[in-house]
Amino acid sequence: MMDPSSVAFVKGIVAFIVAVGVPVAGYAAIVATRAIWVKGEPGTLGDAGQIREELELLRQRVAELEGVPERMSELEERVDFSERLLTRQRDAGQLPGGES
């Protein structure tokens, strides 16, 4: 039989191993799962070539969209001009007494 101090020491060691070992084992499982998931088949998350292609397509799309604010401003000006022309034509067609 062990004396009480030895039992307490062994319990402390076991508690320490459990307290450190469980998180380390969990982390190792997560890392291993992620490595398997990322490696996967070509064309999945681990395919650097596809990621580069998608990145280039996104860059091209952003370049196309950068001109949109200027185009919107031009279209707004055209709508305003058209509204002014329509208002002038409508006002010119009315009689001076306010009746049409």
N, C-alpha and C. Protein backbone atom coordinates (compact mmCIF):
# COMPACT_ATOMS: atom_id res chain seq x y z
N MET A 1 0.83 -1.17 0.00
CA MET A 1 0.00 0.00 0.00
C MET A 1 0.87 1.24 0.00
N MET A 2 0.34 2.28 -0.60
CA MET A 2 1.08 3.53 -0.69
C MET A 2 0.63 4.47 0.42
N ASP A 3 1.55 5.28 0.85
CA ASP A 3 1.17 6.25 1.86
C ASP A 3 0.37 7.39 1.22
N PRO A 4 -0.38 8.14 2.00
CA PRO A 4 -1.27 9.17 1.46
C PRO A 4 -0.55 10.24 0.64
N SER A 5 0.67 10.59 0.97
CA SER A 5 1.39 11.60 0.19
C SER A 5 1.73 11.08 -1.19
N SER A 6 2.07 9.81 -1.31
CA SER A 6 2.36 9.22 -2.61
C SER A 6 1.10 9.14 -3.47
N VAL A 7 -0.01 8.81 -2.83
CA VAL A 7 -1.28 8.75 -3.56
C VAL A 7 -1.64 10.13 -4.08
N ALA A 8 -1.47 11.15 -3.26
CA ALA A 8 -1.76 12.52 -3.67
C ALA A 8 -0.85 12.93 -4.82
N PHE A 9 0.43 12.55 -4.75
CA PHE A 9 1.38 12.87 -5.81
C PHE A 9 0.97 12.23 -7.12
N VAL A 10 0.61 10.96 -7.08
CA VAL A 10 0.19 10.24 -8.29
C VAL A 10 -1.08 10.86 -8.85
N LYS A 11 -2.02 11.20 -7.98
CA LYS A 11 -3.25 11.85 -8.44
C LYS A 11 -2.93 13.19 -9.12
N GLY A 12 -1.99 13.93 -8.56
CA GLY A 12 -1.59 15.21 -9.15
C GLY A 12 -0.98 15.02 -10.54
N ILE A 13 -0.13 14.01 -10.68
CA ILE A 13 0.49 13.71 -11.98
C ILE A 13 -0.58 13.32 -12.99
N VAL A 14 -1.50 12.47 -12.59
CA VAL A 14 -2.58 12.03 -13.49
C VAL A 14 -3.44 13.23 -13.88
N ALA A 15 -3.77 14.07 -12.94
CA ALA A 15 -4.57 15.26 -13.24
C ALA A 15 -3.85 16.17 -14.23
N PHE A 16 -2.53 16.34 -14.02
CA PHE A 16 -1.74 17.18 -14.93
C PHE A 16 -1.72 16.58 -16.34
N ILE A 17 -1.53 15.27 -16.44
CA ILE A 17 -1.49 14.61 -17.75
C ILE A 17 -2.83 14.76 -18.45
N VAL A 18 -3.90 14.60 -17.70
CA VAL A 18 -5.24 14.75 -18.30
C VAL A 18 -5.47 16.20 -18.71
N ALA A 19 -5.09 17.15 -17.85
CA ALA A 19 -5.31 18.58 -18.13
C ALA A 19 -4.52 19.04 -19.35
N VAL A 20 -3.35 18.50 -19.56
CA VAL A 20 -2.51 18.89 -20.71
C VAL A 20 -2.76 17.97 -21.90
N GLY A 21 -2.93 16.71 -21.65
CA GLY A 21 -3.04 15.73 -22.72
C GLY A 21 -4.31 15.84 -23.54
N VAL A 22 -5.43 16.12 -22.90
CA VAL A 22 -6.70 16.20 -23.61
C VAL A 22 -6.69 17.36 -24.62
N PRO A 23 -6.31 18.58 -24.23
CA PRO A 23 -6.26 19.66 -25.22
C PRO A 23 -5.24 19.40 -26.34
N VAL A 24 -4.09 18.83 -25.99
CA VAL A 24 -3.08 18.53 -27.01
C VAL A 24 -3.61 17.48 -27.99
N ALA A 25 -4.26 16.47 -27.49
CA ALA A 25 -4.84 15.44 -28.36
C ALA A 25 -5.94 16.03 -29.23
N GLY A 26 -6.76 16.90 -28.67
CA GLY A 26 -7.80 17.56 -29.45
C GLY A 26 -7.22 18.43 -30.56
N TYR A 27 -6.18 19.19 -30.23
CA TYR A 27 -5.51 20.03 -31.22
C TYR A 27 -4.91 19.17 -32.32
N ALA A 28 -4.28 18.05 -31.95
CA ALA A 28 -3.69 17.16 -32.95
C ALA A 28 -4.76 16.59 -33.87
N ALA A 29 -5.92 16.26 -33.32
CA ALA A 29 -7.01 15.73 -34.14
C ALA A 29 -7.52 16.80 -35.10
N ILE A 30 -7.64 18.03 -34.64
CA ILE A 30 -8.09 19.13 -35.51
C ILE A 30 -7.09 19.36 -36.63
N VAL A 31 -5.81 19.38 -36.30
CA VAL A 31 -4.77 19.61 -37.31
C VAL A 31 -4.77 18.48 -38.34
N ALA A 32 -4.90 17.25 -37.88
CA ALA A 32 -4.91 16.12 -38.80
C ALA A 32 -6.14 16.16 -39.70
N THR A 33 -7.28 16.48 -39.14
CA THR A 33 -8.51 16.57 -39.94
C THR A 33 -8.40 17.68 -40.96
N ARG A 34 -7.87 18.83 -40.57
CA ARG A 34 -7.71 19.95 -41.51
C ARG A 34 -6.75 19.58 -42.63
N ALA A 35 -5.67 18.89 -42.30
CA ALA A 35 -4.70 18.50 -43.32
C ALA A 35 -5.33 17.57 -44.35
N ILE A 36 -6.16 16.66 -43.89
CA ILE A 36 -6.85 15.75 -44.81
C ILE A 36 -7.86 16.52 -45.64
N TRP A 37 -8.58 17.43 -45.02
CA TRP A 37 -9.62 18.20 -45.70
C TRP A 37 -9.01 19.11 -46.75
N VAL A 38 -7.92 19.81 -46.43
CA VAL A 38 -7.30 20.74 -47.35
C VAL A 38 -6.61 20.01 -48.49
N LYS A 39 -6.01 18.87 -48.19
CA LYS A 39 -5.31 18.12 -49.22
C LYS A 39 -6.30 17.69 -50.30
N GLY A 40 -7.33 17.02 -49.93
CA GLY A 40 -8.45 16.65 -50.78
C GLY A 40 -8.13 16.33 -52.22
N GLU A 41 -9.10 16.52 -53.09
CA GLU A 41 -8.96 16.27 -54.51
C GLU A 41 -8.50 17.54 -55.21
N PRO A 42 -7.91 17.41 -56.42
CA PRO A 42 -7.57 18.61 -57.18
C PRO A 42 -8.83 19.41 -57.46
N GLY A 43 -8.71 20.72 -57.36
CA GLY A 43 -9.87 21.57 -57.56
C GLY A 43 -10.59 21.92 -56.28
N THR A 44 -10.11 21.40 -55.14
CA THR A 44 -10.72 21.76 -53.87
C THR A 44 -9.84 22.80 -53.19
N LEU A 45 -10.00 22.95 -51.91
CA LEU A 45 -9.31 24.01 -51.19
C LEU A 45 -7.80 23.96 -51.32
N GLY A 46 -7.22 22.80 -51.50
CA GLY A 46 -5.78 22.70 -51.53
C GLY A 46 -5.15 22.95 -52.89
N ASP A 47 -5.93 23.20 -53.94
CA ASP A 47 -5.39 23.37 -55.29
C ASP A 47 -4.97 24.83 -55.49
N ALA A 48 -3.69 25.11 -55.39
CA ALA A 48 -3.18 26.47 -55.50
C ALA A 48 -3.40 27.04 -56.90
N GLY A 49 -3.31 26.20 -57.92
CA GLY A 49 -3.52 26.67 -59.29
C GLY A 49 -4.92 27.23 -59.49
N GLN A 50 -5.90 26.53 -58.98
CA GLN A 50 -7.27 27.00 -59.12
C GLN A 50 -7.49 28.28 -58.31
N ILE A 51 -6.88 28.35 -57.15
CA ILE A 51 -7.01 29.55 -56.33
C ILE A 51 -6.42 30.74 -57.07
N ARG A 52 -5.28 30.56 -57.74
CA ARG A 52 -4.68 31.65 -58.51
C ARG A 52 -5.59 32.09 -59.65
N GLU A 53 -6.20 31.11 -60.34
CA GLU A 53 -7.11 31.44 -61.44
C GLU A 53 -8.32 32.24 -60.93
N GLU A 54 -8.89 31.79 -59.82
CA GLU A 54 -10.02 32.50 -59.25
C GLU A 54 -9.63 33.90 -58.80
N LEU A 55 -8.44 34.03 -58.24
CA LEU A 55 -7.96 35.34 -57.82
C LEU A 55 -7.80 36.26 -59.02
N GLU A 56 -7.28 35.76 -60.12
CA GLU A 56 -7.12 36.58 -61.32
C GLU A 56 -8.48 36.99 -61.88
N LEU A 57 -9.44 36.07 -61.87
CA LEU A 57 -10.79 36.42 -62.34
C LEU A 57 -11.41 37.50 -61.45
N LEU A 58 -11.20 37.38 -60.15
CA LEU A 58 -11.72 38.40 -59.23
C LEU A 58 -11.05 39.75 -59.46
N ARG A 59 -9.77 39.74 -59.73
CA ARG A 59 -9.07 41.00 -60.03
C ARG A 59 -9.61 41.64 -61.30
N GLN A 60 -9.87 40.84 -62.32
CA GLN A 60 -10.44 41.37 -63.56
C GLN A 60 -11.83 41.95 -63.30
N ARG A 61 -12.62 41.26 -62.50
CA ARG A 61 -13.97 41.73 -62.20
C ARG A 61 -13.92 43.05 -61.43
N VAL A 62 -13.01 43.16 -60.49
CA VAL A 62 -12.87 44.41 -59.74
C VAL A 62 -12.45 45.54 -60.67
N ALA A 63 -11.55 45.26 -61.60
CA ALA A 63 -11.13 46.28 -62.56
C ALA A 63 -12.31 46.75 -63.40
N GLU A 64 -13.18 45.82 -63.81
CA GLU A 64 -14.37 46.20 -64.57
C GLU A 64 -15.30 47.07 -63.73
N LEU A 65 -15.45 46.73 -62.47
CA LEU A 65 -16.39 47.44 -61.61
C LEU A 65 -15.88 48.80 -61.14
N GLU A 66 -14.59 49.05 -61.28
CA GLU A 66 -14.06 50.33 -60.83
C GLU A 66 -14.59 51.49 -61.65
N GLY A 67 -15.01 51.26 -62.90
CA GLY A 67 -15.55 52.32 -63.74
C GLY A 67 -17.03 52.58 -63.54
N VAL A 68 -17.68 51.80 -62.71
CA VAL A 68 -19.13 51.93 -62.53
C VAL A 68 -19.54 53.28 -61.95
N PRO A 69 -18.88 53.83 -60.95
CA PRO A 69 -19.33 55.13 -60.41
C PRO A 69 -19.34 56.24 -61.47
N GLU A 70 -18.33 56.27 -62.33
CA GLU A 70 -18.30 57.30 -63.37
C GLU A 70 -19.45 57.10 -64.34
N ARG A 71 -19.70 55.85 -64.71
CA ARG A 71 -20.80 55.57 -65.64
C ARG A 71 -22.14 55.94 -65.01
N MET A 72 -22.29 55.67 -63.72
CA MET A 72 -23.54 56.02 -63.03
C MET A 72 -23.74 57.53 -63.02
N SER A 73 -22.67 58.28 -62.77
CA SER A 73 -22.77 59.74 -62.77
C SER A 73 -23.20 60.25 -64.14
N GLU A 74 -22.61 59.69 -65.19
CA GLU A 74 -22.97 60.10 -66.54
C GLU A 74 -24.45 59.79 -66.83
N LEU A 75 -24.91 58.61 -66.42
CA LEU A 75 -26.31 58.25 -66.64
C LEU A 75 -27.25 59.15 -65.85
N GLU A 76 -26.87 59.50 -64.63
CA GLU A 76 -27.70 60.42 -63.83
C GLU A 76 -27.81 61.78 -64.51
N GLU A 77 -26.70 62.27 -65.06
CA GLU A 77 -26.73 63.54 -65.78
C GLU A 77 -27.64 63.46 -67.00
N ARG A 78 -27.60 62.35 -67.72
CA ARG A 78 -28.45 62.19 -68.90
C ARG A 78 -29.93 62.16 -68.51
N VAL A 79 -30.25 61.48 -67.41
CA VAL A 79 -31.64 61.43 -66.94
C VAL A 79 -32.10 62.83 -66.54
N ASP A 80 -31.25 63.56 -65.82
CA ASP A 80 -31.61 64.92 -65.42
C ASP A 80 -31.85 65.80 -66.65
N PHE A 81 -30.99 65.68 -67.65
CA PHE A 81 -31.14 66.46 -68.88
C PHE A 81 -32.46 66.12 -69.58
N SER A 82 -32.76 64.82 -69.65
CA SER A 82 -34.01 64.39 -70.29
C SER A 82 -35.22 64.90 -69.53
N GLU A 83 -35.16 64.88 -68.21
CA GLU A 83 -36.27 65.40 -67.42
C GLU A 83 -36.47 66.89 -67.66
N ARG A 84 -35.36 67.64 -67.76
CA ARG A 84 -35.47 69.08 -68.02
C ARG A 84 -36.10 69.33 -69.39
N LEU A 85 -35.69 68.56 -70.40
CA LEU A 85 -36.27 68.72 -71.74
C LEU A 85 -37.76 68.42 -71.72
N LEU A 86 -38.16 67.34 -71.07
CA LEU A 86 -39.58 67.00 -71.01
C LEU A 86 -40.38 68.07 -70.27
N THR A 87 -39.82 68.61 -69.21
CA THR A 87 -40.50 69.66 -68.45
C THR A 87 -40.67 70.91 -69.32
N ARG A 88 -39.66 71.29 -70.09
CA ARG A 88 -39.74 72.46 -70.97
C ARG A 88 -40.81 72.25 -72.04
N GLN A 89 -40.85 71.06 -72.62
CA GLN A 89 -41.84 70.80 -73.67
C GLN A 89 -43.25 70.85 -73.09
N ARG A 90 -43.43 70.32 -71.90
CA ARG A 90 -44.74 70.33 -71.27
C ARG A 90 -45.15 71.77 -70.92
N ASP A 91 -44.20 72.56 -70.39
CA ASP A 91 -44.49 73.95 -70.04
C ASP A 91 -44.76 74.79 -71.27
N ALA A 92 -44.08 74.53 -72.37
CA ALA A 92 -44.28 75.30 -73.60
C ALA A 92 -45.64 74.99 -74.22
N GLY A 93 -46.18 73.82 -74.00
CA GLY A 93 -47.46 73.45 -74.57
C GLY A 93 -48.66 73.98 -73.79
N GLN A 94 -48.45 74.54 -72.63
CA GLN A 94 -49.57 75.05 -71.82
C GLN A 94 -49.92 76.47 -72.26
N LEU A 95 -51.17 76.83 -72.11
CA LEU A 95 -51.63 78.17 -72.43
C LEU A 95 -51.25 79.12 -71.31
N PRO A 96 -51.12 80.40 -71.58
CA PRO A 96 -50.71 81.37 -70.55
C PRO A 96 -51.66 81.44 -69.35
N GLY A 97 -52.90 81.08 -69.51
CA GLY A 97 -53.85 81.16 -68.39
C GLY A 97 -53.74 80.00 -67.44
N GLY A 98 -52.84 79.08 -67.68
CA GLY A 98 -52.69 77.95 -66.79
C GLY A 98 -53.53 76.77 -67.25
N GLU A 99 -54.31 76.91 -68.33
CA GLU A 99 -55.11 75.80 -68.85
C GLU A 99 -54.39 75.19 -70.02
N SER A 100 -54.54 73.92 -70.22
CA SER A 100 -53.91 73.30 -71.37
C SER A 100 -54.89 73.02 -72.47
